[in-house]
Amino acid sequence: MTIWIAIGLTAAGCYLLKLIGLLVPAGTLERPLVQRLSALLPVALLAALTAQHTFGSNSALVVDARGAGLAAAALALVLRAPFLVVVAAAVAVTAGVRAVGG
């Protein structure tokens, strides 16, 4: 029964968050600072999610082959490689580190 309570609270929270977003005055949303922050927020959330999935394992900090793959992808991005090359580099380096590591 507690799972249904959690689902209900989550649904209510999402609805209230959406309602609060609709009640914000338009003048507030047109401020340059708010526009810049709202443009950067998805990037920050994606970076946090990537870091959590790369270096987290349950409740422990783990540095393994996924970190090397992420570093390879970051290097490919710095070199302005196409997206498929970035993904291929991450996959190849991760697989290579796992193969060498055992």
PDB file of N, CA and C in Angstrom:
ATOM      1  N   MET A   1       0.809  -1.198   0.000  1.00  0.00           N
ATOM      2  CA  MET A   1       0.000   0.000   0.000  1.00  0.00           C
ATOM      3  C   MET A   1       0.855   1.265   0.000  1.00  0.00           C
ATOM      4  N   THR A   2       2.049   1.199   0.557  1.00  0.00           N
ATOM      5  CA  THR A   2       2.886   2.400   0.607  1.00  0.00           C
ATOM      6  C   THR A   2       3.346   2.825  -0.776  1.00  0.00           C
ATOM      7  N   ILE A   3       3.443   1.882  -1.724  1.00  0.00           N
ATOM      8  CA  ILE A   3       3.856   2.260  -3.080  1.00  0.00           C
ATOM      9  C   ILE A   3       2.788   3.143  -3.723  1.00  0.00           C
ATOM     10  N   TRP A   4       1.527   2.866  -3.448  1.00  0.00           N
ATOM     11  CA  TRP A   4       0.455   3.690  -4.007  1.00  0.00           C
ATOM     12  C   TRP A   4       0.415   5.066  -3.372  1.00  0.00           C
ATOM     13  N   ILE A   5       0.771   5.148  -2.135  1.00  0.00           N
ATOM     14  CA  ILE A   5       0.865   6.463  -1.495  1.00  0.00           C
ATOM     15  C   ILE A   5       1.990   7.266  -2.134  1.00  0.00           C
ATOM     16  N   ALA A   6       3.114   6.634  -2.376  1.00  0.00           N
ATOM     17  CA  ALA A   6       4.238   7.311  -3.028  1.00  0.00           C
ATOM     18  C   ALA A   6       3.863   7.752  -4.435  1.00  0.00           C
ATOM     19  N   ILE A   7       3.158   6.891  -5.171  1.00  0.00           N
ATOM     20  CA  ILE A   7       2.733   7.255  -6.528  1.00  0.00           C
ATOM     21  C   ILE A   7       1.767   8.435  -6.478  1.00  0.00           C
ATOM     22  N   GLY A   8       0.820   8.396  -5.553  1.00  0.00           N
ATOM     23  CA  GLY A   8      -0.135   9.500  -5.418  1.00  0.00           C
ATOM     24  C   GLY A   8       0.530  10.806  -5.044  1.00  0.00           C
ATOM     25  N   LEU A   9       1.467  10.757  -4.095  1.00  0.00           N
ATOM     26  CA  LEU A   9       2.186  11.975  -3.697  1.00  0.00           C
ATOM     27  C   LEU A   9       3.038  12.513  -4.836  1.00  0.00           C
ATOM     28  N   THR A  10       3.653  11.625  -5.590  1.00  0.00           N
ATOM     29  CA  THR A  10       4.456  12.059  -6.729  1.00  0.00           C
ATOM     30  C   THR A  10       3.586  12.714  -7.793  1.00  0.00           C
ATOM     31  N   ALA A  11       2.432  12.113  -8.077  1.00  0.00           N
ATOM     32  CA  ALA A  11       1.516  12.698  -9.061  1.00  0.00           C
ATOM     33  C   ALA A  11       1.022  14.060  -8.600  1.00  0.00           C
ATOM     34  N   ALA A  12       0.654  14.167  -7.320  1.00  0.00           N
ATOM     35  CA  ALA A  12       0.195  15.452  -6.790  1.00  0.00           C
ATOM     36  C   ALA A  12       1.315  16.491  -6.834  1.00  0.00           C
ATOM     37  N   GLY A  13       2.532  16.081  -6.503  1.00  0.00           N
ATOM     38  CA  GLY A  13       3.668  17.004  -6.555  1.00  0.00           C
ATOM     39  C   GLY A  13       3.942  17.494  -7.962  1.00  0.00           C
ATOM     40  N   CYS A  14       3.862  16.606  -8.934  1.00  0.00           N
ATOM     41  CA  CYS A  14       4.070  17.009 -10.328  1.00  0.00           C
ATOM     42  C   CYS A  14       2.987  17.982 -10.781  1.00  0.00           C
ATOM     43  N   TYR A  15       1.748  17.709 -10.398  1.00  0.00           N
ATOM     44  CA  TYR A  15       0.647  18.603 -10.755  1.00  0.00           C
ATOM     45  C   TYR A  15       0.844  19.981 -10.122  1.00  0.00           C
ATOM     46  N   LEU A  16       1.207  20.008  -8.843  1.00  0.00           N
ATOM     47  CA  LEU A  16       1.412  21.295  -8.171  1.00  0.00           C
ATOM     48  C   LEU A  16       2.588  22.064  -8.767  1.00  0.00           C
ATOM     49  N   LEU A  17       3.648  21.353  -9.132  1.00  0.00           N
ATOM     50  CA  LEU A  17       4.793  22.013  -9.755  1.00  0.00           C
ATOM     51  C   LEU A  17       4.398  22.632 -11.085  1.00  0.00           C
ATOM     52  N   LYS A  18       3.611  21.907 -11.870  1.00  0.00           N
ATOM     53  CA  LYS A  18       3.131  22.437 -13.146  1.00  0.00           C
ATOM     54  C   LYS A  18       2.216  23.646 -12.910  1.00  0.00           C
ATOM     55  N   LEU A  19       1.356  23.564 -11.909  1.00  0.00           N
ATOM     56  CA  LEU A  19       0.451  24.670 -11.595  1.00  0.00           C
ATOM     57  C   LEU A  19       1.222  25.909 -11.154  1.00  0.00           C
ATOM     58  N   ILE A  20       2.249  25.712 -10.332  1.00  0.00           N
ATOM     59  CA  ILE A  20       3.074  26.847  -9.898  1.00  0.00           C
ATOM     60  C   ILE A  20       3.770  27.488 -11.093  1.00  0.00           C
ATOM     61  N   GLY A  21       4.233  26.659 -12.028  1.00  0.00           N
ATOM     62  CA  GLY A  21       4.866  27.194 -13.228  1.00  0.00           C
ATOM     63  C   GLY A  21       3.920  28.028 -14.066  1.00  0.00           C
ATOM     64  N   LEU A  22       2.644  27.646 -14.091  1.00  0.00           N
ATOM     65  CA  LEU A  22       1.659  28.423 -14.857  1.00  0.00           C
ATOM     66  C   LEU A  22       1.266  29.710 -14.146  1.00  0.00           C
ATOM     67  N   LEU A  23       1.420  29.758 -12.833  1.00  0.00           N
ATOM     68  CA  LEU A  23       1.030  30.939 -12.065  1.00  0.00           C
ATOM     69  C   LEU A  23       2.122  32.003 -11.981  1.00  0.00           C
ATOM     70  N   VAL A  24       3.326  31.702 -12.449  1.00  0.00           N
ATOM     71  CA  VAL A  24       4.421  32.676 -12.419  1.00  0.00           C
ATOM     72  C   VAL A  24       4.099  33.792 -13.402  1.00  0.00           C
ATOM     73  N   PRO A  25       4.207  35.053 -12.989  1.00  0.00           N
ATOM     74  CA  PRO A  25       3.915  36.169 -13.901  1.00  0.00           C
ATOM     75  C   PRO A  25       4.834  36.171 -15.122  1.00  0.00           C
ATOM     76  N   ALA A  26       4.291  36.593 -16.248  1.00  0.00           N
ATOM     77  CA  ALA A  26       5.057  36.611 -17.499  1.00  0.00           C
ATOM     78  C   ALA A  26       6.275  37.525 -17.404  1.00  0.00           C
ATOM     79  N   GLY A  27       6.166  38.600 -16.654  1.00  0.00           N
ATOM     80  CA  GLY A  27       7.299  39.522 -16.508  1.00  0.00           C
ATOM     81  C   GLY A  27       8.500  38.871 -15.861  1.00  0.00           C
ATOM     82  N   THR A  28       8.244  37.953 -14.961  1.00  0.00           N
ATOM     83  CA  THR A  28       9.342  37.239 -14.305  1.00  0.00           C
ATOM     84  C   THR A  28      10.074  36.337 -15.295  1.00  0.00           C
ATOM     85  N   LEU A  29       9.315  35.696 -16.176  1.00  0.00           N
ATOM     86  CA  LEU A  29       9.923  34.775 -17.136  1.00  0.00           C
ATOM     87  C   LEU A  29      10.675  35.487 -18.248  1.00  0.00           C
ATOM     88  N   GLU A  30      10.410  36.766 -18.444  1.00  0.00           N
ATOM     89  CA  GLU A  30      11.067  37.514 -19.513  1.00  0.00           C
ATOM     90  C   GLU A  30      12.380  38.161 -19.088  1.00  0.00           C
ATOM     91  N   ARG A  31      12.747  38.046 -17.838  1.00  0.00           N
ATOM     92  CA  ARG A  31      14.015  38.605 -17.366  1.00  0.00           C
ATOM     93  C   ARG A  31      15.181  37.850 -18.005  1.00  0.00           C
ATOM     94  N   PRO A  32      16.247  38.567 -18.378  1.00  0.00           N
ATOM     95  CA  PRO A  32      17.390  37.907 -19.026  1.00  0.00           C
ATOM     96  C   PRO A  32      18.036  36.826 -18.153  1.00  0.00           C
ATOM     97  N   LEU A  33      18.143  37.074 -16.851  1.00  0.00           N
ATOM     98  CA  LEU A  33      18.763  36.080 -15.970  1.00  0.00           C
ATOM     99  C   LEU A  33      17.948  34.790 -15.944  1.00  0.00           C
ATOM    100  N   VAL A  34      16.641  34.904 -15.868  1.00  0.00           N
ATOM    101  CA  VAL A  34      15.776  33.725 -15.839  1.00  0.00           C
ATOM    102  C   VAL A  34      15.875  32.969 -17.156  1.00  0.00           C
ATOM    103  N   GLN A  35      15.929  33.675 -18.261  1.00  0.00           N
ATOM    104  CA  GLN A  35      16.041  33.024 -19.568  1.00  0.00           C
ATOM    105  C   GLN A  35      17.371  32.291 -19.713  1.00  0.00           C
ATOM    106  N   ARG A  36      18.464  32.914 -19.243  1.00  0.00           N
ATOM    107  CA  ARG A  36      19.773  32.244 -19.315  1.00  0.00           C
ATOM    108  C   ARG A  36      19.807  31.001 -18.447  1.00  0.00           C
ATOM    109  N   LEU A  37      19.271  31.126 -17.228  1.00  0.00           N
ATOM    110  CA  LEU A  37      19.262  29.972 -16.324  1.00  0.00           C
ATOM    111  C   LEU A  37      18.389  28.845 -16.850  1.00  0.00           C
ATOM    112  N   SER A  38      17.251  29.190 -17.430  1.00  0.00           N
ATOM    113  CA  SER A  38      16.372  28.143 -17.963  1.00  0.00           C
ATOM    114  C   SER A  38      16.985  27.470 -19.188  1.00  0.00           C
ATOM    115  N   ALA A  39      17.838  28.175 -19.913  1.00  0.00           N
ATOM    116  CA  ALA A  39      18.520  27.555 -21.054  1.00  0.00           C
ATOM    117  C   ALA A  39      19.631  26.607 -20.586  1.00  0.00           C
ATOM    118  N   LEU A  40      20.243  26.914 -19.446  1.00  0.00           N
ATOM    119  CA  LEU A  40      21.347  26.090 -18.955  1.00  0.00           C
ATOM    120  C   LEU A  40      20.901  24.937 -18.053  1.00  0.00           C
ATOM    121  N   LEU A  41      19.706  25.008 -17.539  1.00  0.00           N
ATOM    122  CA  LEU A  41      19.231  23.996 -16.599  1.00  0.00           C
ATOM    123  C   LEU A  41      19.205  22.581 -17.185  1.00  0.00           C
ATOM    124  N   PRO A  42      18.707  22.351 -18.403  1.00  0.00           N
ATOM    125  CA  PRO A  42      18.734  20.982 -18.941  1.00  0.00           C
ATOM    126  C   PRO A  42      20.147  20.429 -19.088  1.00  0.00           C
ATOM    127  N   VAL A  43      21.095  21.276 -19.458  1.00  0.00           N
ATOM    128  CA  VAL A  43      22.485  20.830 -19.601  1.00  0.00           C
ATOM    129  C   VAL A  43      23.047  20.412 -18.245  1.00  0.00           C
ATOM    130  N   ALA A  44      22.770  21.193 -17.221  1.00  0.00           N
ATOM    131  CA  ALA A  44      23.257  20.868 -15.881  1.00  0.00           C
ATOM    132  C   ALA A  44      22.633  19.577 -15.362  1.00  0.00           C
ATOM    133  N   LEU A  45      21.345  19.401 -15.599  1.00  0.00           N
ATOM    134  CA  LEU A  45      20.685  18.176 -15.150  1.00  0.00           C
ATOM    135  C   LEU A  45      21.212  16.952 -15.889  1.00  0.00           C
ATOM    136  N   LEU A  46      21.444  17.081 -17.192  1.00  0.00           N
ATOM    137  CA  LEU A  46      21.992  15.963 -17.960  1.00  0.00           C
ATOM    138  C   LEU A  46      23.412  15.634 -17.507  1.00  0.00           C
ATOM    139  N   ALA A  47      24.216  16.641 -17.214  1.00  0.00           N
ATOM    140  CA  ALA A  47      25.568  16.403 -16.724  1.00  0.00           C
ATOM    141  C   ALA A  47      25.552  15.704 -15.365  1.00  0.00           C
ATOM    142  N   ALA A  48      24.654  16.118 -14.491  1.00  0.00           N
ATOM    143  CA  ALA A  48      24.546  15.475 -13.179  1.00  0.00           C
ATOM    144  C   ALA A  48      24.088  14.031 -13.310  1.00  0.00           C
ATOM    145  N   LEU A  49      23.131  13.784 -14.190  1.00  0.00           N
ATOM    146  CA  LEU A  49      22.656  12.413 -14.411  1.00  0.00           C
ATOM    147  C   LEU A  49      23.750  11.538 -14.999  1.00  0.00           C
ATOM    148  N   THR A  50      24.513  12.082 -15.933  1.00  0.00           N
ATOM    149  CA  THR A  50      25.621  11.335 -16.530  1.00  0.00           C
ATOM    150  C   THR A  50      26.682  11.007 -15.484  1.00  0.00           C
ATOM    151  N   ALA A  51      27.037  11.964 -14.660  1.00  0.00           N
ATOM    152  CA  ALA A  51      28.033  11.728 -13.615  1.00  0.00           C
ATOM    153  C   ALA A  51      27.551  10.696 -12.604  1.00  0.00           C
ATOM    154  N   GLN A  52      26.274  10.777 -12.245  1.00  0.00           N
ATOM    155  CA  GLN A  52      25.736   9.827 -11.270  1.00  0.00           C
ATOM    156  C   GLN A  52      25.734   8.410 -11.824  1.00  0.00           C
ATOM    157  N   HIS A  53      25.386   8.254 -13.088  1.00  0.00           N
ATOM    158  CA  HIS A  53      25.358   6.918 -13.680  1.00  0.00           C
ATOM    159  C   HIS A  53      26.757   6.403 -14.011  1.00  0.00           C
ATOM    160  N   THR A  54      27.692   7.304 -14.238  1.00  0.00           N
ATOM    161  CA  THR A  54      29.051   6.880 -14.562  1.00  0.00           C
ATOM    162  C   THR A  54      29.834   6.485 -13.322  1.00  0.00           C
ATOM    163  N   PHE A  55      29.731   7.274 -12.270  1.00  0.00           N
ATOM    164  CA  PHE A  55      30.575   7.062 -11.105  1.00  0.00           C
ATOM    165  C   PHE A  55      29.836   6.515  -9.889  1.00  0.00           C
ATOM    166  N   GLY A  56      28.555   6.250 -10.019  1.00  0.00           N
ATOM    167  CA  GLY A  56      27.800   5.745  -8.877  1.00  0.00           C
ATOM    168  C   GLY A  56      27.412   4.295  -9.042  1.00  0.00           C
ATOM    169  N   SER A  57      27.462   3.572  -7.947  1.00  0.00           N
ATOM    170  CA  SER A  57      27.011   2.193  -7.914  1.00  0.00           C
ATOM    171  C   SER A  57      26.355   1.980  -6.558  1.00  0.00           C
ATOM    172  N   ASN A  58      25.016   1.904  -6.556  1.00  0.00           N
ATOM    173  CA  ASN A  58      24.236   1.864  -5.320  1.00  0.00           C
ATOM    174  C   ASN A  58      24.567   3.093  -4.477  1.00  0.00           C
ATOM    175  N   SER A  59      25.272   2.938  -3.392  1.00  0.00           N
ATOM    176  CA  SER A  59      25.593   4.096  -2.557  1.00  0.00           C
ATOM    177  C   SER A  59      27.099   4.344  -2.494  1.00  0.00           C
ATOM    178  N   ALA A  60      27.847   3.800  -3.439  1.00  0.00           N
ATOM    179  CA  ALA A  60      29.299   3.933  -3.416  1.00  0.00           C
ATOM    180  C   ALA A  60      29.785   4.685  -4.652  1.00  0.00           C
ATOM    181  N   LEU A  61      30.927   5.316  -4.498  1.00  0.00           N
ATOM    182  CA  LEU A  61      31.590   5.986  -5.615  1.00  0.00           C
ATOM    183  C   LEU A  61      32.510   4.972  -6.289  1.00  0.00           C
ATOM    184  N   VAL A  62      32.346   4.802  -7.608  1.00  0.00           N
ATOM    185  CA  VAL A  62      33.095   3.784  -8.333  1.00  0.00           C
ATOM    186  C   VAL A  62      33.783   4.432  -9.525  1.00  0.00           C
ATOM    187  N   VAL A  63      35.070   4.172  -9.667  1.00  0.00           N
ATOM    188  CA  VAL A  63      35.807   4.625 -10.846  1.00  0.00           C
ATOM    189  C   VAL A  63      36.230   3.372 -11.599  1.00  0.00           C
ATOM    190  N   ASP A  64      35.623   3.162 -12.760  1.00  0.00           N
ATOM    191  CA  ASP A  64      35.924   1.970 -13.550  1.00  0.00           C
ATOM    192  C   ASP A  64      35.992   2.337 -15.031  1.00  0.00           C
ATOM    193  N   ALA A  65      35.726   1.382 -15.892  1.00  0.00           N
ATOM    194  CA  ALA A  65      35.861   1.593 -17.330  1.00  0.00           C
ATOM    195  C   ALA A  65      34.893   2.651 -17.855  1.00  0.00           C
ATOM    196  N   ARG A  66      33.778   2.838 -17.187  1.00  0.00           N
ATOM    197  CA  ARG A  66      32.820   3.857 -17.639  1.00  0.00           C
ATOM    198  C   ARG A  66      33.424   5.250 -17.577  1.00  0.00           C
ATOM    199  N   GLY A  67      34.274   5.505 -16.598  1.00  0.00           N
ATOM    200  CA  GLY A  67      34.937   6.804 -16.501  1.00  0.00           C
ATOM    201  C   GLY A  67      35.875   7.048 -17.673  1.00  0.00           C
ATOM    202  N   ALA A  68      36.580   6.002 -18.079  1.00  0.00           N
ATOM    203  CA  ALA A  68      37.470   6.124 -19.245  1.00  0.00           C
ATOM    204  C   ALA A  68      36.656   6.374 -20.512  1.00  0.00           C
ATOM    205  N   GLY A  69      35.516   5.721 -20.636  1.00  0.00           N
ATOM    206  CA  GLY A  69      34.650   5.960 -21.787  1.00  0.00           C
ATOM    207  C   GLY A  69      34.111   7.373 -21.813  1.00  0.00           C
ATOM    208  N   LEU A  70      33.742   7.882 -20.640  1.00  0.00           N
ATOM    209  CA  LEU A  70      33.263   9.260 -20.546  1.00  0.00           C
ATOM    210  C   LEU A  70      34.369  10.247 -20.905  1.00  0.00           C
ATOM    211  N   ALA A  71      35.585   9.960 -20.465  1.00  0.00           N
ATOM    212  CA  ALA A  71      36.716  10.830 -20.807  1.00  0.00           C
ATOM    213  C   ALA A  71      36.980  10.814 -22.309  1.00  0.00           C
ATOM    214  N   ALA A  72      36.862   9.640 -22.927  1.00  0.00           N
ATOM    215  CA  ALA A  72      37.056   9.549 -24.375  1.00  0.00           C
ATOM    216  C   ALA A  72      35.973  10.330 -25.117  1.00  0.00           C
ATOM    217  N   ALA A  73      34.740  10.236 -24.635  1.00  0.00           N
ATOM    218  CA  ALA A  73      33.648  10.991 -25.256  1.00  0.00           C
ATOM    219  C   ALA A  73      33.862  12.488 -25.095  1.00  0.00           C
ATOM    220  N   ALA A  74      34.317  12.903 -23.923  1.00  0.00           N
ATOM    221  CA  ALA A  74      34.581  14.327 -23.697  1.00  0.00           C
ATOM    222  C   ALA A  74      35.689  14.829 -24.620  1.00  0.00           C
ATOM    223  N   LEU A  75      36.737  14.018 -24.791  1.00  0.00           N
ATOM    224  CA  LEU A  75      37.819  14.408 -25.692  1.00  0.00           C
ATOM    225  C   LEU A  75      37.321  14.513 -27.129  1.00  0.00           C
ATOM    226  N   ALA A  76      36.481  13.567 -27.543  1.00  0.00           N
ATOM    227  CA  ALA A  76      35.931  13.626 -28.899  1.00  0.00           C
ATOM    228  C   ALA A  76      35.051  14.863 -29.075  1.00  0.00           C
ATOM    229  N   LEU A  77      34.321  15.235 -28.033  1.00  0.00           N
ATOM    230  CA  LEU A  77      33.509  16.451 -28.120  1.00  0.00           C
ATOM    231  C   LEU A  77      34.368  17.706 -28.216  1.00  0.00           C
ATOM    232  N   VAL A  78      35.463  17.721 -27.460  1.00  0.00           N
ATOM    233  CA  VAL A  78      36.375  18.868 -27.525  1.00  0.00           C
ATOM    234  C   VAL A  78      36.971  18.997 -28.924  1.00  0.00           C
ATOM    235  N   LEU A  79      37.222  17.853 -29.553  1.00  0.00           N
ATOM    236  CA  LEU A  79      37.771  17.849 -30.913  1.00  0.00           C
ATOM    237  C   LEU A  79      36.696  18.054 -31.978  1.00  0.00           C
ATOM    238  N   ARG A  80      35.455  18.303 -31.539  1.00  0.00           N
ATOM    239  CA  ARG A  80      34.317  18.567 -32.417  1.00  0.00           C
ATOM    240  C   ARG A  80      34.009  17.406 -33.359  1.00  0.00           C
ATOM    241  N   ALA A  81      34.083  16.208 -32.838  1.00  0.00           N
ATOM    242  CA  ALA A  81      33.746  15.026 -33.630  1.00  0.00           C
ATOM    243  C   ALA A  81      32.232  14.918 -33.768  1.00  0.00           C
ATOM    244  N   PRO A  82      31.762  14.275 -34.819  1.00  0.00           N
ATOM    245  CA  PRO A  82      30.318  14.046 -34.959  1.00  0.00           C
ATOM    246  C   PRO A  82      29.794  13.148 -33.825  1.00  0.00           C
ATOM    247  N   PHE A  83      28.485  13.218 -33.580  1.00  0.00           N
ATOM    248  CA  PHE A  83      27.897  12.509 -32.447  1.00  0.00           C
ATOM    249  C   PHE A  83      28.162  11.008 -32.503  1.00  0.00           C
ATOM    250  N   LEU A  84      28.028  10.409 -33.660  1.00  0.00           N
ATOM    251  CA  LEU A  84      28.260   8.964 -33.764  1.00  0.00           C
ATOM    252  C   LEU A  84      29.709   8.599 -33.455  1.00  0.00           C
ATOM    253  N   VAL A  85      30.628   9.457 -33.804  1.00  0.00           N
ATOM    254  CA  VAL A  85      32.036   9.215 -33.480  1.00  0.00           C
ATOM    255  C   VAL A  85      32.250   9.337 -31.972  1.00  0.00           C
ATOM    256  N   VAL A  86      31.579  10.276 -31.336  1.00  0.00           N
ATOM    257  CA  VAL A  86      31.668  10.434 -29.877  1.00  0.00           C
ATOM    258  C   VAL A  86      31.182   9.163 -29.189  1.00  0.00           C
ATOM    259  N   VAL A  87      30.034   8.669 -29.613  1.00  0.00           N
ATOM    260  CA  VAL A  87      29.480   7.446 -29.019  1.00  0.00           C
ATOM    261  C   VAL A  87      30.390   6.252 -29.292  1.00  0.00           C
ATOM    262  N   ALA A  88      30.876   6.142 -30.517  1.00  0.00           N
ATOM    263  CA  ALA A  88      31.761   5.024 -30.865  1.00  0.00           C
ATOM    264  C   ALA A  88      33.055   5.077 -30.060  1.00  0.00           C
ATOM    265  N   ALA A  89      33.597   6.252 -29.852  1.00  0.00           N
ATOM    266  CA  ALA A  89      34.820   6.374 -29.057  1.00  0.00           C
ATOM    267  C   ALA A  89      34.571   5.950 -27.617  1.00  0.00           C
ATOM    268  N   ALA A  90      33.453   6.372 -27.055  1.00  0.00           N
ATOM    269  CA  ALA A  90      33.123   5.994 -25.679  1.00  0.00           C
ATOM    270  C   ALA A  90      32.947   4.483 -25.561  1.00  0.00           C
ATOM    271  N   VAL A  91      32.256   3.895 -26.507  1.00  0.00           N
ATOM    272  CA  VAL A  91      32.028   2.445 -26.475  1.00  0.00           C
ATOM    273  C   VAL A  91      33.341   1.690 -26.637  1.00  0.00           C
ATOM    274  N   ALA A  92      34.154   2.111 -27.595  1.00  0.00           N
ATOM    275  CA  ALA A  92      35.412   1.409 -27.855  1.00  0.00           C
ATOM    276  C   ALA A  92      36.364   1.497 -26.665  1.00  0.00           C
ATOM    277  N   VAL A  93      36.492   2.658 -26.077  1.00  0.00           N
ATOM    278  CA  VAL A  93      37.401   2.814 -24.939  1.00  0.00           C
ATOM    279  C   VAL A  93      36.886   2.046 -23.734  1.00  0.00           C
ATOM    280  N   THR A  94      35.584   2.106 -23.467  1.00  0.00           N
ATOM    281  CA  THR A  94      35.026   1.358 -22.341  1.00  0.00           C
ATOM    282  C   THR A  94      35.240  -0.133 -22.523  1.00  0.00           C
ATOM    283  N   ALA A  95      34.972  -0.636 -23.732  1.00  0.00           N
ATOM    284  CA  ALA A  95      35.174  -2.065 -23.999  1.00  0.00           C
ATOM    285  C   ALA A  95      36.644  -2.443 -23.901  1.00  0.00           C
ATOM    286  N   GLY A  96      37.517  -1.565 -24.395  1.00  0.00           N
ATOM    287  CA  GLY A  96      38.943  -1.851 -24.337  1.00  0.00           C
ATOM    288  C   GLY A  96      39.456  -1.909 -22.906  1.00  0.00           C
ATOM    289  N   VAL A  97      39.026  -0.968 -22.064  1.00  0.00           N
ATOM    290  CA  VAL A  97      39.463  -0.958 -20.666  1.00  0.00           C
ATOM    291  C   VAL A  97      38.926  -2.184 -19.942  1.00  0.00           C
ATOM    292  N   ARG A  98      37.681  -2.559 -20.225  1.00  0.00           N
ATOM    293  CA  ARG A  98      37.119  -3.754 -19.598  1.00  0.00           C
ATOM    294  C   ARG A  98      37.830  -5.010 -20.058  1.00  0.00           C
ATOM    295  N   ALA A  99      38.236  -5.066 -21.329  1.00  0.00           N
ATOM    296  CA  ALA A  99      38.942  -6.245 -21.848  1.00  0.00           C
ATOM    297  C   ALA A  99      40.334  -6.357 -21.236  1.00  0.00           C
ATOM    298  N   VAL A 100      41.006  -5.248 -21.079  1.00  0.00           N
ATOM    299  CA  VAL A 100      42.364  -5.264 -20.490  1.00  0.00           C
ATOM    300  C   VAL A 100      42.292  -5.524 -18.996  1.00  0.00           C
ATOM    301  N   GLY A 101      41.268  -4.963 -18.338  1.00  0.00           N
ATOM    302  CA  GLY A 101      41.148  -5.070 -16.899  1.00  0.00           C
ATOM    303  C   GLY A 101      40.686  -6.436 -16.419  1.00  0.00           C
ATOM    304  N   GLY A 102      40.167  -7.221 -17.286  1.00  0.00           N
ATOM    305  CA  GLY A 102      39.835  -8.567 -16.832  1.00  0.00           C
ATOM    306  C   GLY A 102      38.432  -8.922 -17.023  1.00  0.00           C
TER     307      GLY A 102
END
